[in-house]
């Protein structure tokens, strides 16, 4: 197994308590992800445009992403190498190629994790609850 090469994406939203992905929806080609932290009384909405694909799995099925995606107060990561995109690229039927403007992002939460292939950097909005 090859190690994941990832870096935390800086956002204006940090969580001190556990965070959960509470909603994932695709709206006209835009993926909208809601994360909620009851302990922090905070909600973050992440929007990805130009989405080529996404997958949601329990974090227990993504052990290769740890510890690379386990930074303190970080929950959004840019996967540079050996992530889901590279795994899919090893299949003969997968036609997307790196270098065509797609990047892989990874959202880590307590209940599940989300991988996103997107042509644009995500935007993040934070709300108090």
N, C-alpha and C. Protein backbone atom coordinates (compact mmCIF):
# COMPACT_ATOMS: atom_id res chain seq x y z
N UNK A 1 0.84 -1.18 0.00
CA UNK A 1 0.00 0.00 0.00
C UNK A 1 0.89 1.25 0.00
N UNK A 2 0.60 2.17 -0.91
CA UNK A 2 1.35 3.40 -1.00
C UNK A 2 0.75 4.45 -0.07
N UNK A 3 1.61 5.31 0.47
CA UNK A 3 1.14 6.34 1.39
C UNK A 3 0.44 7.46 0.64
N UNK A 4 -0.63 7.97 1.23
CA UNK A 4 -1.37 9.10 0.69
C UNK A 4 -0.53 10.36 0.88
N UNK A 5 -0.44 11.17 -0.16
CA UNK A 5 0.21 12.48 -0.06
C UNK A 5 -0.91 13.51 -0.04
N UNK A 6 -1.09 14.18 1.10
CA UNK A 6 -2.19 15.12 1.27
C UNK A 6 -1.72 16.35 2.01
N UNK A 7 -2.42 17.46 1.76
CA UNK A 7 -2.15 18.67 2.54
C UNK A 7 -3.48 19.27 2.96
N UNK A 8 -3.51 19.80 4.17
CA UNK A 8 -4.72 20.44 4.68
C UNK A 8 -5.01 21.71 3.87
N UNK A 9 -6.27 21.92 3.55
CA UNK A 9 -6.70 23.13 2.86
C UNK A 9 -7.13 24.12 3.94
N UNK A 10 -6.52 25.28 3.95
CA UNK A 10 -6.87 26.28 4.95
C UNK A 10 -8.24 26.87 4.64
N UNK A 11 -9.06 26.93 5.67
CA UNK A 11 -10.38 27.55 5.56
C UNK A 11 -10.56 28.48 6.75
N UNK A 12 -11.60 29.28 6.70
CA UNK A 12 -11.91 30.15 7.84
C UNK A 12 -12.65 29.39 8.93
N UNK A 13 -12.98 28.13 8.66
CA UNK A 13 -13.76 27.33 9.60
C UNK A 13 -12.90 26.26 10.26
N UNK A 14 -12.75 26.36 11.56
CA UNK A 14 -12.09 25.30 12.33
C UNK A 14 -13.08 24.77 13.35
N UNK A 15 -12.92 23.52 13.69
CA UNK A 15 -13.79 22.88 14.67
C UNK A 15 -12.94 22.43 15.84
N UNK A 16 -13.42 22.68 17.05
CA UNK A 16 -12.75 22.19 18.27
C UNK A 16 -13.35 20.87 18.72
N UNK A 17 -14.62 20.62 18.35
CA UNK A 17 -15.33 19.39 18.70
C UNK A 17 -15.49 18.53 17.45
N UNK A 18 -16.01 17.34 17.65
CA UNK A 18 -16.20 16.44 16.50
C UNK A 18 -17.18 17.05 15.50
N UNK A 19 -16.98 16.68 14.24
CA UNK A 19 -17.80 17.19 13.15
C UNK A 19 -18.33 16.01 12.34
N UNK A 20 -19.56 16.14 11.85
CA UNK A 20 -20.18 15.09 11.05
C UNK A 20 -20.65 15.66 9.71
N UNK A 21 -20.55 14.86 8.67
CA UNK A 21 -21.18 15.21 7.40
C UNK A 21 -22.67 14.92 7.58
N UNK A 22 -23.49 15.95 7.45
CA UNK A 22 -24.92 15.78 7.71
C UNK A 22 -25.78 15.87 6.45
N UNK A 23 -25.19 16.33 5.35
CA UNK A 23 -25.96 16.41 4.11
C UNK A 23 -25.00 16.48 2.93
N UNK A 24 -25.31 15.73 1.88
CA UNK A 24 -24.57 15.78 0.62
C UNK A 24 -25.61 15.82 -0.48
N UNK A 25 -25.54 16.83 -1.35
CA UNK A 25 -26.50 16.90 -2.44
C UNK A 25 -25.84 17.48 -3.69
N UNK A 26 -26.29 16.98 -4.82
CA UNK A 26 -25.80 17.45 -6.11
C UNK A 26 -26.88 18.34 -6.70
N UNK A 27 -26.54 19.60 -6.93
CA UNK A 27 -27.50 20.58 -7.46
C UNK A 27 -26.95 21.16 -8.76
N UNK A 28 -27.49 20.74 -9.87
CA UNK A 28 -27.10 21.29 -11.17
C UNK A 28 -25.59 21.28 -11.37
N UNK A 29 -24.96 20.16 -11.07
CA UNK A 29 -23.53 20.03 -11.28
C UNK A 29 -22.67 20.56 -10.16
N UNK A 30 -23.28 21.11 -9.13
CA UNK A 30 -22.54 21.61 -7.97
C UNK A 30 -22.81 20.68 -6.79
N UNK A 31 -21.74 20.19 -6.17
CA UNK A 31 -21.87 19.34 -5.00
C UNK A 31 -21.84 20.22 -3.76
N UNK A 32 -22.88 20.08 -2.92
CA UNK A 32 -22.99 20.88 -1.71
C UNK A 32 -22.93 19.92 -0.52
N UNK A 33 -21.97 20.16 0.36
CA UNK A 33 -21.75 19.29 1.52
C UNK A 33 -21.93 20.12 2.79
N UNK A 34 -22.74 19.61 3.71
CA UNK A 34 -22.95 20.28 4.99
C UNK A 34 -22.28 19.48 6.10
N UNK A 35 -21.50 20.17 6.91
CA UNK A 35 -20.86 19.56 8.08
C UNK A 35 -21.39 20.27 9.32
N UNK A 36 -21.67 19.50 10.36
CA UNK A 36 -22.23 20.06 11.57
C UNK A 36 -21.41 19.62 12.79
N UNK A 37 -21.13 20.57 13.65
CA UNK A 37 -20.49 20.29 14.93
C UNK A 37 -21.40 20.82 16.03
N UNK A 38 -22.09 19.90 16.70
CA UNK A 38 -22.97 20.30 17.80
C UNK A 38 -22.21 20.90 18.95
N UNK A 39 -21.02 20.37 19.23
CA UNK A 39 -20.20 20.88 20.32
C UNK A 39 -19.75 22.31 20.09
N UNK A 40 -19.44 22.64 18.85
CA UNK A 40 -19.02 24.00 18.49
C UNK A 40 -20.19 24.88 18.14
N UNK A 41 -21.37 24.27 17.98
CA UNK A 41 -22.57 24.98 17.54
C UNK A 41 -22.29 25.74 16.24
N UNK A 42 -21.72 24.96 15.27
CA UNK A 42 -21.28 25.52 14.01
C UNK A 42 -21.66 24.60 12.86
N UNK A 43 -21.99 25.21 11.71
CA UNK A 43 -22.26 24.47 10.48
C UNK A 43 -21.37 25.05 9.39
N UNK A 44 -20.77 24.19 8.59
CA UNK A 44 -20.00 24.62 7.42
C UNK A 44 -20.66 24.05 6.17
N UNK A 45 -20.78 24.89 5.16
CA UNK A 45 -21.28 24.45 3.86
C UNK A 45 -20.14 24.56 2.86
N UNK A 46 -19.82 23.44 2.23
CA UNK A 46 -18.74 23.38 1.25
C UNK A 46 -19.36 23.17 -0.12
N UNK A 47 -18.96 23.98 -1.08
CA UNK A 47 -19.49 23.88 -2.44
C UNK A 47 -18.36 23.56 -3.41
N UNK A 48 -18.59 22.51 -4.20
CA UNK A 48 -17.65 22.12 -5.24
C UNK A 48 -18.35 22.29 -6.59
N UNK A 49 -17.75 23.05 -7.50
CA UNK A 49 -18.30 23.16 -8.84
C UNK A 49 -17.45 22.28 -9.77
N UNK A 50 -17.93 22.08 -10.96
CA UNK A 50 -17.23 21.24 -11.95
C UNK A 50 -16.87 19.88 -11.36
N UNK A 51 -17.85 19.21 -10.76
CA UNK A 51 -17.63 17.92 -10.13
C UNK A 51 -17.62 16.81 -11.18
N UNK A 52 -16.56 16.02 -11.17
CA UNK A 52 -16.46 14.88 -12.09
C UNK A 52 -16.85 13.58 -11.40
N UNK A 53 -16.83 13.57 -10.05
CA UNK A 53 -17.21 12.37 -9.31
C UNK A 53 -17.03 12.58 -7.82
N UNK A 54 -17.72 11.73 -7.04
CA UNK A 54 -17.55 11.78 -5.59
C UNK A 54 -17.93 10.43 -5.01
N UNK A 55 -17.40 10.14 -3.82
CA UNK A 55 -17.75 8.91 -3.09
C UNK A 55 -17.78 9.21 -1.61
N UNK A 56 -18.72 8.58 -0.93
CA UNK A 56 -18.90 8.74 0.51
C UNK A 56 -18.75 7.36 1.15
N UNK A 57 -17.81 7.24 2.08
CA UNK A 57 -17.56 5.97 2.76
C UNK A 57 -17.33 6.21 4.24
N UNK A 58 -17.63 5.19 5.04
CA UNK A 58 -17.30 5.21 6.46
C UNK A 58 -15.78 5.31 6.59
N UNK A 59 -15.31 6.10 7.55
CA UNK A 59 -13.87 6.29 7.69
C UNK A 59 -13.12 4.99 7.95
N UNK A 60 -13.80 3.99 8.50
CA UNK A 60 -13.17 2.69 8.74
C UNK A 60 -12.80 1.96 7.46
N UNK A 61 -13.39 2.36 6.34
CA UNK A 61 -13.06 1.76 5.04
C UNK A 61 -12.02 2.57 4.28
N UNK A 62 -11.43 3.56 4.94
CA UNK A 62 -10.46 4.43 4.29
C UNK A 62 -9.19 4.56 5.12
N UNK A 63 -8.76 3.47 5.70
CA UNK A 63 -7.63 3.52 6.62
C UNK A 63 -6.34 4.02 5.97
N UNK A 64 -6.21 3.87 4.66
CA UNK A 64 -5.00 4.35 3.99
C UNK A 64 -4.88 5.89 4.02
N UNK A 65 -5.96 6.60 4.34
CA UNK A 65 -5.92 8.05 4.39
C UNK A 65 -5.38 8.57 5.73
N UNK A 66 -5.18 7.68 6.71
CA UNK A 66 -4.66 8.09 8.00
C UNK A 66 -3.20 7.68 8.10
N UNK A 67 -2.34 8.46 8.64
CA UNK A 67 -2.56 9.71 9.35
C UNK A 67 -2.50 10.96 8.46
N UNK A 68 -2.31 10.82 7.15
CA UNK A 68 -2.15 11.99 6.27
C UNK A 68 -3.32 12.97 6.38
N UNK A 69 -4.52 12.46 6.63
CA UNK A 69 -5.72 13.32 6.70
C UNK A 69 -6.25 13.41 8.12
N UNK A 70 -5.35 13.51 9.07
CA UNK A 70 -5.75 13.59 10.48
C UNK A 70 -5.09 14.76 11.18
N UNK A 71 -4.97 15.89 10.50
CA UNK A 71 -4.35 17.07 11.10
C UNK A 71 -5.27 17.68 12.15
N UNK A 72 -4.69 18.30 13.16
CA UNK A 72 -5.47 18.95 14.21
C UNK A 72 -6.25 20.12 13.59
N UNK A 73 -7.55 20.18 13.87
CA UNK A 73 -8.44 21.23 13.38
C UNK A 73 -8.61 21.26 11.86
N UNK A 74 -8.08 20.32 11.15
CA UNK A 74 -8.26 20.27 9.69
C UNK A 74 -9.30 19.22 9.36
N UNK A 75 -10.10 19.48 8.37
CA UNK A 75 -11.13 18.54 7.95
C UNK A 75 -11.24 18.49 6.43
N UNK A 76 -10.61 19.43 5.73
CA UNK A 76 -10.62 19.48 4.28
C UNK A 76 -9.18 19.36 3.78
N UNK A 77 -8.97 18.42 2.86
CA UNK A 77 -7.62 18.12 2.39
C UNK A 77 -7.58 18.08 0.87
N UNK A 78 -6.44 18.47 0.31
CA UNK A 78 -6.15 18.28 -1.10
C UNK A 78 -5.28 17.03 -1.20
N UNK A 79 -5.74 16.06 -1.95
CA UNK A 79 -4.99 14.82 -2.11
C UNK A 79 -4.10 14.96 -3.33
N UNK A 80 -2.81 14.89 -3.11
CA UNK A 80 -1.86 15.09 -4.20
C UNK A 80 -1.50 13.78 -4.91
N UNK A 81 -1.49 12.67 -4.15
CA UNK A 81 -0.99 11.42 -4.72
C UNK A 81 -1.52 10.23 -3.93
N UNK A 82 -1.82 9.16 -4.64
CA UNK A 82 -2.20 7.85 -4.09
C UNK A 82 -3.57 7.84 -3.42
N UNK A 83 -4.46 8.73 -3.83
CA UNK A 83 -5.81 8.75 -3.30
C UNK A 83 -6.78 8.00 -4.20
N UNK A 84 -8.04 8.37 -4.10
CA UNK A 84 -9.10 7.73 -4.89
C UNK A 84 -8.90 7.96 -6.38
N UNK A 85 -8.49 9.17 -6.79
CA UNK A 85 -8.28 9.47 -8.20
C UNK A 85 -7.24 8.51 -8.80
N UNK A 86 -6.14 8.31 -8.10
CA UNK A 86 -5.10 7.40 -8.59
C UNK A 86 -5.60 5.96 -8.62
N UNK A 87 -6.40 5.58 -7.63
CA UNK A 87 -6.98 4.23 -7.62
C UNK A 87 -7.88 4.03 -8.83
N UNK A 88 -8.77 4.98 -9.08
CA UNK A 88 -9.66 4.87 -10.24
C UNK A 88 -8.88 4.90 -11.55
N UNK A 89 -7.82 5.70 -11.59
CA UNK A 89 -7.01 5.81 -12.81
C UNK A 89 -6.33 4.50 -13.19
N UNK A 90 -6.23 3.57 -12.25
CA UNK A 90 -5.61 2.28 -12.55
C UNK A 90 -6.56 1.34 -13.28
N UNK A 91 -7.85 1.71 -13.35
CA UNK A 91 -8.82 0.89 -14.08
C UNK A 91 -8.80 1.24 -15.56
N UNK A 92 -8.84 0.22 -16.44
CA UNK A 92 -8.82 0.50 -17.88
C UNK A 92 -10.03 1.30 -18.36
N UNK A 93 -11.17 1.20 -17.70
CA UNK A 93 -12.38 1.89 -18.14
C UNK A 93 -12.53 3.31 -17.63
N UNK A 94 -11.59 3.77 -16.82
CA UNK A 94 -11.64 5.12 -16.25
C UNK A 94 -10.97 6.08 -17.22
N UNK A 95 -11.70 7.06 -17.73
CA UNK A 95 -11.20 7.91 -18.80
C UNK A 95 -10.64 9.26 -18.36
N UNK A 96 -10.95 9.69 -17.14
CA UNK A 96 -10.42 10.97 -16.67
C UNK A 96 -8.92 10.86 -16.47
N UNK A 97 -8.23 11.95 -16.74
CA UNK A 97 -6.78 11.95 -16.60
C UNK A 97 -6.33 13.10 -15.73
N UNK A 98 -5.28 12.86 -14.96
CA UNK A 98 -4.67 13.95 -14.21
C UNK A 98 -4.04 14.91 -15.21
N UNK A 99 -3.91 16.14 -14.81
CA UNK A 99 -3.33 17.13 -15.70
C UNK A 99 -4.38 17.84 -16.54
N UNK A 100 -5.64 17.44 -16.40
CA UNK A 100 -6.71 18.09 -17.15
C UNK A 100 -7.49 19.06 -16.28
N UNK A 101 -6.88 19.49 -15.19
CA UNK A 101 -7.52 20.48 -14.34
C UNK A 101 -8.35 19.92 -13.21
N UNK A 102 -8.37 18.61 -13.03
CA UNK A 102 -9.13 18.01 -11.93
C UNK A 102 -8.22 17.81 -10.71
N UNK A 103 -8.78 18.06 -9.54
CA UNK A 103 -8.09 17.81 -8.29
C UNK A 103 -8.97 16.94 -7.41
N UNK A 104 -8.33 16.22 -6.50
CA UNK A 104 -9.07 15.40 -5.54
C UNK A 104 -9.04 16.08 -4.18
N UNK A 105 -10.23 16.21 -3.60
CA UNK A 105 -10.39 16.75 -2.25
C UNK A 105 -10.97 15.68 -1.36
N UNK A 106 -10.68 15.78 -0.06
CA UNK A 106 -11.12 14.79 0.92
C UNK A 106 -11.65 15.53 2.14
N UNK A 107 -12.87 15.20 2.54
CA UNK A 107 -13.45 15.75 3.76
C UNK A 107 -13.50 14.64 4.79
N UNK A 108 -12.86 14.87 5.93
CA UNK A 108 -12.83 13.89 7.01
C UNK A 108 -13.81 14.30 8.09
N UNK A 109 -14.64 13.36 8.53
CA UNK A 109 -15.56 13.63 9.63
C UNK A 109 -15.66 12.39 10.51
N UNK A 110 -16.40 12.51 11.60
CA UNK A 110 -16.55 11.41 12.55
C UNK A 110 -17.37 10.26 12.00
N UNK A 111 -18.36 10.56 11.16
CA UNK A 111 -19.28 9.51 10.72
C UNK A 111 -18.97 8.97 9.33
N UNK A 112 -18.35 9.75 8.48
CA UNK A 112 -18.02 9.30 7.14
C UNK A 112 -17.03 10.28 6.52
N UNK A 113 -16.50 9.88 5.36
CA UNK A 113 -15.55 10.72 4.66
C UNK A 113 -15.96 10.82 3.20
N UNK A 114 -15.67 11.95 2.60
CA UNK A 114 -16.10 12.22 1.24
C UNK A 114 -14.89 12.55 0.38
N UNK A 115 -14.76 11.87 -0.75
CA UNK A 115 -13.75 12.18 -1.76
C UNK A 115 -14.46 12.86 -2.92
N UNK A 116 -13.86 13.92 -3.45
CA UNK A 116 -14.48 14.69 -4.53
C UNK A 116 -13.43 14.96 -5.60
N UNK A 117 -13.79 14.71 -6.86
CA UNK A 117 -12.96 15.09 -8.00
C UNK A 117 -13.61 16.33 -8.59
N UNK A 118 -12.88 17.44 -8.56
CA UNK A 118 -13.46 18.72 -8.96
C UNK A 118 -12.49 19.53 -9.80
N UNK A 119 -13.03 20.31 -10.71
CA UNK A 119 -12.23 21.18 -11.55
C UNK A 119 -11.98 22.54 -10.94
N UNK A 120 -12.58 22.81 -9.80
CA UNK A 120 -12.43 24.10 -9.12
C UNK A 120 -12.16 23.87 -7.64
N UNK A 121 -11.50 24.83 -7.02
CA UNK A 121 -11.30 24.77 -5.56
C UNK A 121 -12.65 24.96 -4.88
N UNK A 122 -12.89 24.29 -3.76
CA UNK A 122 -14.17 24.46 -3.07
C UNK A 122 -14.27 25.81 -2.36
N UNK A 123 -15.49 26.24 -2.12
CA UNK A 123 -15.73 27.42 -1.29
C UNK A 123 -16.39 26.95 -0.01
N UNK A 124 -16.12 27.65 1.09
CA UNK A 124 -16.63 27.26 2.41
C UNK A 124 -17.32 28.45 3.05
N UNK A 125 -18.53 28.22 3.55
CA UNK A 125 -19.25 29.21 4.35
C UNK A 125 -19.52 28.61 5.72
N UNK A 126 -19.45 29.43 6.76
CA UNK A 126 -19.65 28.97 8.13
C UNK A 126 -20.81 29.72 8.76
N UNK A 127 -21.61 28.98 9.53
CA UNK A 127 -22.77 29.55 10.24
C UNK A 127 -22.76 29.08 11.68
N UNK A 128 -23.25 29.92 12.57
CA UNK A 128 -23.45 29.52 13.97
C UNK A 128 -24.84 28.97 14.11
N UNK A 129 -25.01 27.97 14.99
CA UNK A 129 -26.33 27.39 15.24
C UNK A 129 -26.67 27.51 16.71
